[in-house]
Amino acid sequence: MQDSQEIIFDFTKNVNINQWRTVDDVVMGGRSQGNFKLNKDGFGEFYGNVSLENNGGFSSLRFRFEKKEVINYNFVVLKIKGDAKNYQFRIKDNVYNRHSFIYNLETTGEWQTIKVPLSEMYPAFRGRKLQIPNFSSTTIEEVAFLIGNKKEQNFKLEIDFIKLQ
């Protein structure tokens, strides 16, 4: 398989990030604020503040793309640099589903390459695990990062690449 078939997103200094969207708890009345930019080093940078005001408590970054076949892959590989806080990596096999499939990430403050086993991604909606099977679809069409650790905190997560393996 060629590398080009594996890449979901590879950040470089000239890449277009217009398809990436932040979605915060303001959709439910909260006060968190997430931002996204391409930083000077050419990495995606998701940063901001999580607030618990007005029953808030999360910020997310989402990227939708044309449906990708994942039947020949077992992992999503992330190269990220967090701030020693916990994040969720999320995927959707169908953007119209309300639930996502989730994998919890513990960042160290250093660059990490994390292999996320697709079969270990569990279904959840609004923070509640659902009683349906773990991810077993043949396609994905959205990836996302979410921070929501039930506390007020500033955050910064840098992303180098997201690919299938």
N, C-alpha and C. Protein backbone atom coordinates (compact mmCIF):
# COMPACT_ATOMS: atom_id res chain seq x y z
N MET A 1 0.83 -1.19 0.00
CA MET A 1 0.00 0.00 0.00
C MET A 1 0.87 1.25 0.00
N GLN A 2 0.47 2.24 -0.74
CA GLN A 2 1.21 3.48 -0.80
C GLN A 2 0.86 4.34 0.41
N ASP A 3 1.85 5.15 0.83
CA ASP A 3 1.62 6.03 1.95
C ASP A 3 0.44 6.97 1.74
N SER A 4 0.26 7.44 0.52
CA SER A 4 -0.80 8.40 0.25
C SER A 4 -2.18 7.83 0.58
N GLN A 5 -2.32 6.53 0.53
CA GLN A 5 -3.60 5.91 0.86
C GLN A 5 -3.80 5.84 2.37
N GLU A 6 -2.74 5.97 3.12
CA GLU A 6 -2.81 5.81 4.56
C GLU A 6 -3.08 7.11 5.30
N ILE A 7 -2.71 8.24 4.73
CA ILE A 7 -2.73 9.49 5.48
C ILE A 7 -4.14 10.05 5.59
N ILE A 8 -4.53 10.38 6.81
CA ILE A 8 -5.78 11.10 7.03
C ILE A 8 -5.50 12.60 6.97
N PHE A 9 -4.45 13.03 7.68
CA PHE A 9 -4.03 14.43 7.60
C PHE A 9 -2.57 14.53 8.02
N ASP A 10 -1.78 15.26 7.23
CA ASP A 10 -0.37 15.48 7.51
C ASP A 10 -0.16 16.99 7.53
N PHE A 11 0.20 17.51 8.70
CA PHE A 11 0.40 18.96 8.83
C PHE A 11 1.77 19.35 8.30
N THR A 12 1.77 20.40 7.49
CA THR A 12 2.99 21.00 6.98
C THR A 12 2.78 22.51 7.00
N LYS A 13 3.83 23.26 6.73
CA LYS A 13 3.72 24.72 6.81
C LYS A 13 2.73 25.31 5.81
N ASN A 14 2.45 24.60 4.71
CA ASN A 14 1.60 25.16 3.67
C ASN A 14 0.25 24.47 3.56
N VAL A 15 -0.09 23.61 4.49
CA VAL A 15 -1.33 22.83 4.39
C VAL A 15 -2.56 23.71 4.68
N ASN A 16 -3.66 23.40 4.02
CA ASN A 16 -4.91 24.12 4.23
C ASN A 16 -5.66 23.47 5.40
N ILE A 17 -5.95 24.25 6.44
CA ILE A 17 -6.64 23.70 7.62
C ILE A 17 -8.09 24.19 7.71
N ASN A 18 -8.62 24.71 6.61
CA ASN A 18 -9.97 25.27 6.63
C ASN A 18 -11.07 24.27 6.95
N GLN A 19 -10.81 22.98 6.77
CA GLN A 19 -11.84 21.96 7.04
C GLN A 19 -11.88 21.56 8.53
N TRP A 20 -10.93 22.01 9.31
CA TRP A 20 -10.91 21.71 10.74
C TRP A 20 -11.84 22.68 11.47
N ARG A 21 -12.61 22.19 12.44
CA ARG A 21 -13.57 23.01 13.19
C ARG A 21 -13.44 22.76 14.69
N THR A 22 -13.50 23.84 15.45
CA THR A 22 -13.59 23.66 16.91
C THR A 22 -15.07 23.69 17.28
N VAL A 23 -15.42 22.82 18.21
CA VAL A 23 -16.77 22.78 18.77
C VAL A 23 -16.61 22.72 20.28
N ASP A 24 -17.14 23.72 20.96
CA ASP A 24 -16.98 23.83 22.41
C ASP A 24 -18.32 23.66 23.10
N ASP A 25 -18.27 23.65 24.43
CA ASP A 25 -19.50 23.51 25.23
C ASP A 25 -20.45 24.70 25.09
N VAL A 26 -20.04 25.74 24.37
CA VAL A 26 -20.94 26.88 24.16
C VAL A 26 -22.21 26.43 23.44
N VAL A 27 -22.13 25.30 22.72
CA VAL A 27 -23.34 24.78 22.06
C VAL A 27 -24.40 24.39 23.09
N MET A 28 -23.98 24.22 24.35
CA MET A 28 -24.90 23.87 25.44
C MET A 28 -24.91 24.96 26.52
N GLY A 29 -24.38 26.14 26.23
CA GLY A 29 -24.38 27.22 27.19
C GLY A 29 -23.10 27.40 27.97
N GLY A 30 -22.11 26.54 27.73
CA GLY A 30 -20.85 26.63 28.48
C GLY A 30 -19.99 27.80 28.01
N ARG A 31 -18.80 27.91 28.62
CA ARG A 31 -17.92 29.05 28.35
C ARG A 31 -16.51 28.65 27.91
N SER A 32 -16.31 27.40 27.57
CA SER A 32 -14.98 26.98 27.12
C SER A 32 -14.67 27.58 25.76
N GLN A 33 -13.38 27.71 25.48
CA GLN A 33 -12.99 28.29 24.20
C GLN A 33 -11.79 27.56 23.64
N GLY A 34 -12.03 26.86 22.53
CA GLY A 34 -10.95 26.19 21.83
C GLY A 34 -10.62 26.95 20.56
N ASN A 35 -9.35 26.93 20.19
CA ASN A 35 -8.87 27.59 18.98
C ASN A 35 -8.00 26.61 18.22
N PHE A 36 -7.83 26.88 16.93
CA PHE A 36 -6.98 26.01 16.12
C PHE A 36 -6.23 26.84 15.10
N LYS A 37 -4.94 26.55 14.97
CA LYS A 37 -4.11 27.26 14.00
C LYS A 37 -3.00 26.35 13.52
N LEU A 38 -2.37 26.77 12.44
CA LEU A 38 -1.15 26.15 11.97
C LEU A 38 -0.03 26.95 12.61
N ASN A 39 0.79 26.32 13.44
CA ASN A 39 1.83 27.11 14.14
C ASN A 39 3.06 27.32 13.26
N LYS A 40 4.02 28.09 13.76
CA LYS A 40 5.18 28.48 12.96
C LYS A 40 6.03 27.29 12.52
N ASP A 41 5.91 26.16 13.24
CA ASP A 41 6.67 24.96 12.90
C ASP A 41 5.93 24.06 11.91
N GLY A 42 4.70 24.46 11.53
CA GLY A 42 3.95 23.67 10.57
C GLY A 42 3.12 22.56 11.19
N PHE A 43 2.86 22.64 12.49
CA PHE A 43 2.02 21.66 13.17
C PHE A 43 0.63 22.26 13.42
N GLY A 44 -0.38 21.41 13.45
CA GLY A 44 -1.69 21.86 13.89
C GLY A 44 -1.62 22.10 15.39
N GLU A 45 -2.18 23.22 15.86
CA GLU A 45 -2.15 23.53 17.29
C GLU A 45 -3.56 23.83 17.78
N PHE A 46 -4.06 22.92 18.62
CA PHE A 46 -5.38 23.04 19.25
C PHE A 46 -5.12 23.54 20.66
N TYR A 47 -5.66 24.73 21.00
CA TYR A 47 -5.34 25.35 22.27
C TYR A 47 -6.54 26.14 22.78
N GLY A 48 -6.51 26.44 24.06
CA GLY A 48 -7.58 27.25 24.61
C GLY A 48 -7.76 27.02 26.09
N ASN A 49 -9.02 27.14 26.52
CA ASN A 49 -9.36 27.07 27.93
C ASN A 49 -10.66 26.31 28.09
N VAL A 50 -10.66 25.37 29.04
CA VAL A 50 -11.89 24.66 29.40
C VAL A 50 -12.44 25.32 30.67
N SER A 51 -13.70 25.70 30.60
CA SER A 51 -14.40 26.32 31.73
C SER A 51 -15.53 25.41 32.19
N LEU A 52 -15.78 25.39 33.49
CA LEU A 52 -16.90 24.62 34.02
C LEU A 52 -18.15 25.49 34.22
N GLU A 53 -18.04 26.78 33.90
CA GLU A 53 -19.19 27.68 34.06
C GLU A 53 -20.37 27.23 33.21
N ASN A 54 -21.58 27.46 33.73
CA ASN A 54 -22.82 27.14 33.00
C ASN A 54 -22.87 25.68 32.55
N ASN A 55 -22.41 24.77 33.40
CA ASN A 55 -22.41 23.33 33.10
C ASN A 55 -21.54 22.99 31.90
N GLY A 56 -20.51 23.79 31.65
CA GLY A 56 -19.59 23.53 30.56
C GLY A 56 -18.55 22.50 30.96
N GLY A 57 -17.53 22.37 30.14
CA GLY A 57 -16.44 21.48 30.51
C GLY A 57 -15.75 20.76 29.38
N PHE A 58 -15.94 21.20 28.11
CA PHE A 58 -15.18 20.55 27.05
C PHE A 58 -14.91 21.48 25.88
N SER A 59 -13.88 21.11 25.14
CA SER A 59 -13.56 21.74 23.88
C SER A 59 -13.12 20.63 22.94
N SER A 60 -13.52 20.72 21.67
CA SER A 60 -13.14 19.68 20.72
C SER A 60 -12.71 20.29 19.39
N LEU A 61 -11.96 19.51 18.66
CA LEU A 61 -11.46 19.86 17.34
C LEU A 61 -11.84 18.72 16.41
N ARG A 62 -12.50 19.04 15.28
CA ARG A 62 -13.02 18.00 14.40
C ARG A 62 -12.59 18.23 12.96
N PHE A 63 -12.38 17.11 12.28
CA PHE A 63 -12.03 17.13 10.86
C PHE A 63 -12.86 16.09 10.13
N ARG A 64 -13.70 16.56 9.21
CA ARG A 64 -14.52 15.67 8.37
C ARG A 64 -13.88 15.58 6.99
N PHE A 65 -14.01 14.40 6.40
CA PHE A 65 -13.38 14.16 5.11
C PHE A 65 -14.22 13.14 4.34
N GLU A 66 -13.88 12.96 3.07
CA GLU A 66 -14.58 11.95 2.29
C GLU A 66 -14.32 10.60 2.92
N LYS A 67 -15.37 9.78 2.93
CA LYS A 67 -15.32 8.46 3.56
C LYS A 67 -14.05 7.71 3.15
N LYS A 68 -13.32 7.18 4.14
CA LYS A 68 -12.12 6.40 3.88
C LYS A 68 -12.38 4.95 4.28
N GLU A 69 -11.98 4.04 3.42
CA GLU A 69 -12.05 2.61 3.73
C GLU A 69 -10.98 2.29 4.77
N VAL A 70 -11.37 1.58 5.82
CA VAL A 70 -10.40 1.21 6.86
C VAL A 70 -10.32 -0.30 7.03
N ILE A 71 -10.95 -1.03 6.13
CA ILE A 71 -11.04 -2.49 6.28
C ILE A 71 -9.66 -3.16 6.31
N ASN A 72 -8.67 -2.55 5.64
CA ASN A 72 -7.32 -3.13 5.61
C ASN A 72 -6.40 -2.59 6.69
N TYR A 73 -6.95 -1.80 7.62
CA TYR A 73 -6.13 -1.17 8.65
C TYR A 73 -6.61 -1.58 10.04
N ASN A 74 -5.66 -1.63 10.97
CA ASN A 74 -5.99 -1.98 12.36
C ASN A 74 -5.79 -0.82 13.33
N PHE A 75 -5.07 0.21 12.89
CA PHE A 75 -4.70 1.30 13.79
C PHE A 75 -4.88 2.66 13.12
N VAL A 76 -5.12 3.67 13.97
CA VAL A 76 -4.90 5.05 13.58
C VAL A 76 -3.64 5.46 14.34
N VAL A 77 -2.67 5.99 13.62
CA VAL A 77 -1.41 6.41 14.24
C VAL A 77 -1.40 7.93 14.33
N LEU A 78 -1.16 8.42 15.54
CA LEU A 78 -1.13 9.85 15.83
C LEU A 78 0.27 10.25 16.24
N LYS A 79 0.77 11.34 15.70
CA LYS A 79 1.99 11.94 16.25
C LYS A 79 1.57 13.26 16.83
N ILE A 80 1.62 13.34 18.17
CA ILE A 80 1.11 14.51 18.88
C ILE A 80 2.08 14.93 19.99
N LYS A 81 1.95 16.18 20.37
CA LYS A 81 2.68 16.68 21.54
C LYS A 81 1.66 17.41 22.40
N GLY A 82 1.32 16.81 23.51
CA GLY A 82 0.36 17.40 24.43
C GLY A 82 1.06 18.16 25.53
N ASP A 83 0.29 18.49 26.54
CA ASP A 83 0.76 19.30 27.66
C ASP A 83 0.64 18.54 28.98
N ALA A 84 0.80 17.22 28.89
CA ALA A 84 0.70 16.31 30.04
C ALA A 84 -0.73 16.25 30.59
N LYS A 85 -1.71 16.60 29.75
CA LYS A 85 -3.12 16.47 30.13
C LYS A 85 -3.73 15.33 29.33
N ASN A 86 -4.90 14.88 29.76
CA ASN A 86 -5.59 13.80 29.07
C ASN A 86 -6.54 14.36 28.02
N TYR A 87 -6.57 13.68 26.88
CA TYR A 87 -7.44 14.03 25.76
C TYR A 87 -8.15 12.76 25.31
N GLN A 88 -9.17 12.94 24.50
CA GLN A 88 -9.79 11.82 23.81
C GLN A 88 -9.51 11.98 22.33
N PHE A 89 -9.21 10.85 21.68
CA PHE A 89 -9.20 10.81 20.22
C PHE A 89 -10.49 10.12 19.83
N ARG A 90 -11.21 10.70 18.87
CA ARG A 90 -12.53 10.21 18.50
C ARG A 90 -12.62 10.01 16.99
N ILE A 91 -13.39 9.01 16.60
CA ILE A 91 -13.69 8.83 15.18
C ILE A 91 -15.19 8.59 15.01
N LYS A 92 -15.65 8.88 13.82
CA LYS A 92 -17.03 8.55 13.44
C LYS A 92 -16.99 7.80 12.12
N ASP A 93 -17.75 6.71 12.07
CA ASP A 93 -17.86 5.99 10.80
C ASP A 93 -18.92 6.64 9.91
N ASN A 94 -19.80 7.42 10.53
CA ASN A 94 -20.84 8.12 9.79
C ASN A 94 -21.08 9.45 10.52
N VAL A 95 -20.92 10.56 9.82
CA VAL A 95 -21.04 11.86 10.49
C VAL A 95 -22.45 12.12 11.00
N TYR A 96 -23.43 11.38 10.52
CA TYR A 96 -24.80 11.57 10.99
C TYR A 96 -25.09 10.82 12.29
N ASN A 97 -24.19 9.92 12.70
CA ASN A 97 -24.35 9.26 14.00
C ASN A 97 -24.11 10.29 15.10
N ARG A 98 -24.89 10.17 16.16
CA ARG A 98 -24.68 11.09 17.28
C ARG A 98 -23.49 10.66 18.12
N HIS A 99 -23.21 9.37 18.16
CA HIS A 99 -22.11 8.87 18.98
C HIS A 99 -20.79 8.86 18.21
N SER A 100 -19.72 8.84 18.98
CA SER A 100 -18.37 8.69 18.45
C SER A 100 -17.75 7.45 19.06
N PHE A 101 -16.66 7.02 18.47
CA PHE A 101 -15.86 5.95 19.05
C PHE A 101 -14.60 6.60 19.62
N ILE A 102 -14.26 6.23 20.85
CA ILE A 102 -13.31 7.00 21.65
C ILE A 102 -12.12 6.16 22.10
N TYR A 103 -10.96 6.81 22.14
CA TYR A 103 -9.75 6.25 22.72
C TYR A 103 -9.13 7.34 23.57
N ASN A 104 -8.80 7.01 24.82
CA ASN A 104 -8.25 8.00 25.75
C ASN A 104 -6.74 8.12 25.57
N LEU A 105 -6.28 9.36 25.51
CA LEU A 105 -4.86 9.66 25.33
C LEU A 105 -4.30 10.33 26.58
N GLU A 106 -3.16 9.85 27.03
CA GLU A 106 -2.43 10.52 28.12
C GLU A 106 -1.20 11.13 27.49
N THR A 107 -1.14 12.46 27.49
CA THR A 107 0.02 13.11 26.88
C THR A 107 1.09 13.35 27.94
N THR A 108 2.34 13.48 27.47
CA THR A 108 3.48 13.55 28.39
C THR A 108 4.18 14.90 28.40
N GLY A 109 3.85 15.77 27.45
CA GLY A 109 4.59 17.01 27.30
C GLY A 109 5.68 16.88 26.24
N GLU A 110 5.93 15.67 25.77
CA GLU A 110 6.91 15.40 24.71
C GLU A 110 6.17 14.90 23.48
N TRP A 111 6.87 14.85 22.33
CA TRP A 111 6.28 14.25 21.14
C TRP A 111 6.06 12.77 21.36
N GLN A 112 4.89 12.29 20.98
CA GLN A 112 4.54 10.88 21.12
C GLN A 112 3.95 10.38 19.82
N THR A 113 4.29 9.16 19.45
CA THR A 113 3.61 8.49 18.35
C THR A 113 2.75 7.40 18.99
N ILE A 114 1.45 7.53 18.86
CA ILE A 114 0.51 6.65 19.54
C ILE A 114 -0.25 5.83 18.50
N LYS A 115 -0.22 4.51 18.66
CA LYS A 115 -0.99 3.63 17.78
C LYS A 115 -2.31 3.32 18.48
N VAL A 116 -3.39 3.80 17.91
CA VAL A 116 -4.72 3.62 18.47
C VAL A 116 -5.37 2.41 17.79
N PRO A 117 -5.59 1.31 18.53
CA PRO A 117 -6.24 0.15 17.92
C PRO A 117 -7.72 0.45 17.64
N LEU A 118 -8.11 0.39 16.37
CA LEU A 118 -9.50 0.69 16.01
C LEU A 118 -10.47 -0.17 16.82
N SER A 119 -10.14 -1.43 17.02
CA SER A 119 -11.05 -2.36 17.70
C SER A 119 -11.23 -2.04 19.18
N GLU A 120 -10.36 -1.20 19.75
CA GLU A 120 -10.47 -0.83 21.16
C GLU A 120 -11.20 0.49 21.37
N MET A 121 -11.62 1.13 20.28
CA MET A 121 -12.33 2.40 20.41
C MET A 121 -13.78 2.12 20.78
N TYR A 122 -14.19 2.66 21.93
CA TYR A 122 -15.52 2.35 22.46
C TYR A 122 -16.52 3.45 22.11
N PRO A 123 -17.81 3.07 21.96
CA PRO A 123 -18.83 4.05 21.59
C PRO A 123 -19.32 4.84 22.80
N ALA A 124 -19.49 6.16 22.60
CA ALA A 124 -20.02 7.01 23.67
C ALA A 124 -20.74 8.20 23.06
N PHE A 125 -21.68 8.73 23.84
CA PHE A 125 -22.42 9.92 23.45
C PHE A 125 -22.58 10.78 24.69
N ARG A 126 -22.17 12.04 24.58
CA ARG A 126 -22.22 13.00 25.69
C ARG A 126 -21.63 12.43 26.98
N GLY A 127 -20.49 11.81 26.85
CA GLY A 127 -19.76 11.32 28.02
C GLY A 127 -20.24 9.99 28.58
N ARG A 128 -21.23 9.38 27.97
CA ARG A 128 -21.74 8.10 28.46
C ARG A 128 -21.41 6.98 27.48
N LYS A 129 -20.82 5.93 28.02
CA LYS A 129 -20.50 4.77 27.19
C LYS A 129 -21.80 4.09 26.78
N LEU A 130 -21.88 3.71 25.52
CA LEU A 130 -23.09 3.08 24.99
C LEU A 130 -22.97 1.56 25.00
N GLN A 131 -24.10 0.90 25.07
CA GLN A 131 -24.13 -0.56 25.10
C GLN A 131 -24.23 -1.11 23.67
N ILE A 132 -23.30 -0.72 22.84
CA ILE A 132 -23.16 -1.27 21.50
C ILE A 132 -21.70 -1.65 21.33
N PRO A 133 -21.37 -2.47 20.32
CA PRO A 133 -19.98 -2.96 20.19
C PRO A 133 -18.98 -1.84 19.90
N ASN A 134 -17.71 -2.14 20.21
CA ASN A 134 -16.61 -1.24 19.85
C ASN A 134 -16.57 -1.07 18.34
N PHE A 135 -15.73 -0.16 17.89
CA PHE A 135 -15.65 0.15 16.47
C PHE A 135 -15.38 -1.11 15.65
N SER A 136 -16.19 -1.33 14.63
CA SER A 136 -16.01 -2.48 13.74
C SER A 136 -16.43 -2.15 12.32
N SER A 137 -16.55 -0.86 12.02
CA SER A 137 -17.01 -0.43 10.71
C SER A 137 -15.90 -0.59 9.66
N THR A 138 -16.27 -0.44 8.41
CA THR A 138 -15.30 -0.53 7.31
C THR A 138 -14.87 0.84 6.82
N THR A 139 -15.49 1.91 7.35
CA THR A 139 -15.16 3.26 6.90
C THR A 139 -15.12 4.24 8.08
N ILE A 140 -14.42 5.35 7.88
CA ILE A 140 -14.49 6.49 8.80
C ILE A 140 -14.61 7.76 7.97
N GLU A 141 -15.24 8.79 8.56
CA GLU A 141 -15.34 10.07 7.86
C GLU A 141 -15.19 11.28 8.78
N GLU A 142 -14.78 11.04 10.02
CA GLU A 142 -14.46 12.15 10.91
C GLU A 142 -13.46 11.69 11.96
N VAL A 143 -12.50 12.55 12.26
CA VAL A 143 -11.61 12.36 13.41
C VAL A 143 -11.73 13.60 14.27
N ALA A 144 -11.50 13.43 15.57
CA ALA A 144 -11.62 14.57 16.49
C ALA A 144 -10.73 14.37 17.70
N PHE A 145 -10.38 15.49 18.32
CA PHE A 145 -9.71 15.48 19.62
C PHE A 145 -10.62 16.25 20.57
N LEU A 146 -10.71 15.78 21.82
CA LEU A 146 -11.57 16.45 22.80
C LEU A 146 -10.83 16.49 24.13
N ILE A 147 -10.95 17.62 24.81
CA ILE A 147 -10.48 17.72 26.19
C ILE A 147 -11.68 18.06 27.05
N GLY A 148 -11.83 17.31 28.14
CA GLY A 148 -12.94 17.51 29.06
C GLY A 148 -12.67 16.70 30.31
N ASN A 149 -11.80 17.19 31.16
CA ASN A 149 -11.33 16.44 32.33
C ASN A 149 -12.04 16.82 33.63
N LYS A 150 -13.23 17.40 33.50
CA LYS A 150 -14.03 17.80 34.67
C LYS A 150 -13.31 18.81 35.56
N LYS A 151 -12.44 19.65 34.92
CA LYS A 151 -11.80 20.73 35.66
C LYS A 151 -11.46 21.86 34.72
N GLU A 152 -11.36 23.06 35.30
CA GLU A 152 -10.98 24.23 34.52
C GLU A 152 -9.49 24.12 34.22
N GLN A 153 -9.12 24.31 32.96
CA GLN A 153 -7.71 24.22 32.61
C GLN A 153 -7.46 24.81 31.22
N ASN A 154 -6.26 25.39 31.09
CA ASN A 154 -5.78 25.79 29.78
C ASN A 154 -5.20 24.54 29.14
N PHE A 155 -5.17 24.52 27.80
CA PHE A 155 -4.64 23.34 27.13
C PHE A 155 -3.95 23.73 25.82
N LYS A 156 -3.05 22.82 25.38
CA LYS A 156 -2.39 22.97 24.09
C LYS A 156 -1.99 21.58 23.61
N LEU A 157 -2.44 21.25 22.42
CA LEU A 157 -2.12 19.96 21.79
C LEU A 157 -1.63 20.24 20.37
N GLU A 158 -0.39 19.81 20.08
CA GLU A 158 0.15 19.96 18.74
C GLU A 158 -0.01 18.63 18.01
N ILE A 159 -0.32 18.71 16.71
CA ILE A 159 -0.55 17.51 15.91
C ILE A 159 0.35 17.57 14.69
N ASP A 160 1.12 16.49 14.48
CA ASP A 160 1.99 16.38 13.32
C ASP A 160 1.27 15.63 12.19
N PHE A 161 0.77 14.42 12.51
CA PHE A 161 0.03 13.67 11.49
C PHE A 161 -0.97 12.71 12.13
N ILE A 162 -1.92 12.29 11.28
CA ILE A 162 -2.91 11.28 11.63
C ILE A 162 -2.96 10.35 10.41
N LYS A 163 -2.68 9.06 10.61
CA LYS A 163 -2.71 8.16 9.47
C LYS A 163 -3.22 6.78 9.87
N LEU A 164 -3.60 6.03 8.88
CA LEU A 164 -4.06 4.66 9.08
C LEU A 164 -2.90 3.71 8.90
N GLN A 165 -2.91 2.64 9.70
CA GLN A 165 -1.85 1.63 9.56
C GLN A 165 -2.47 0.26 9.75
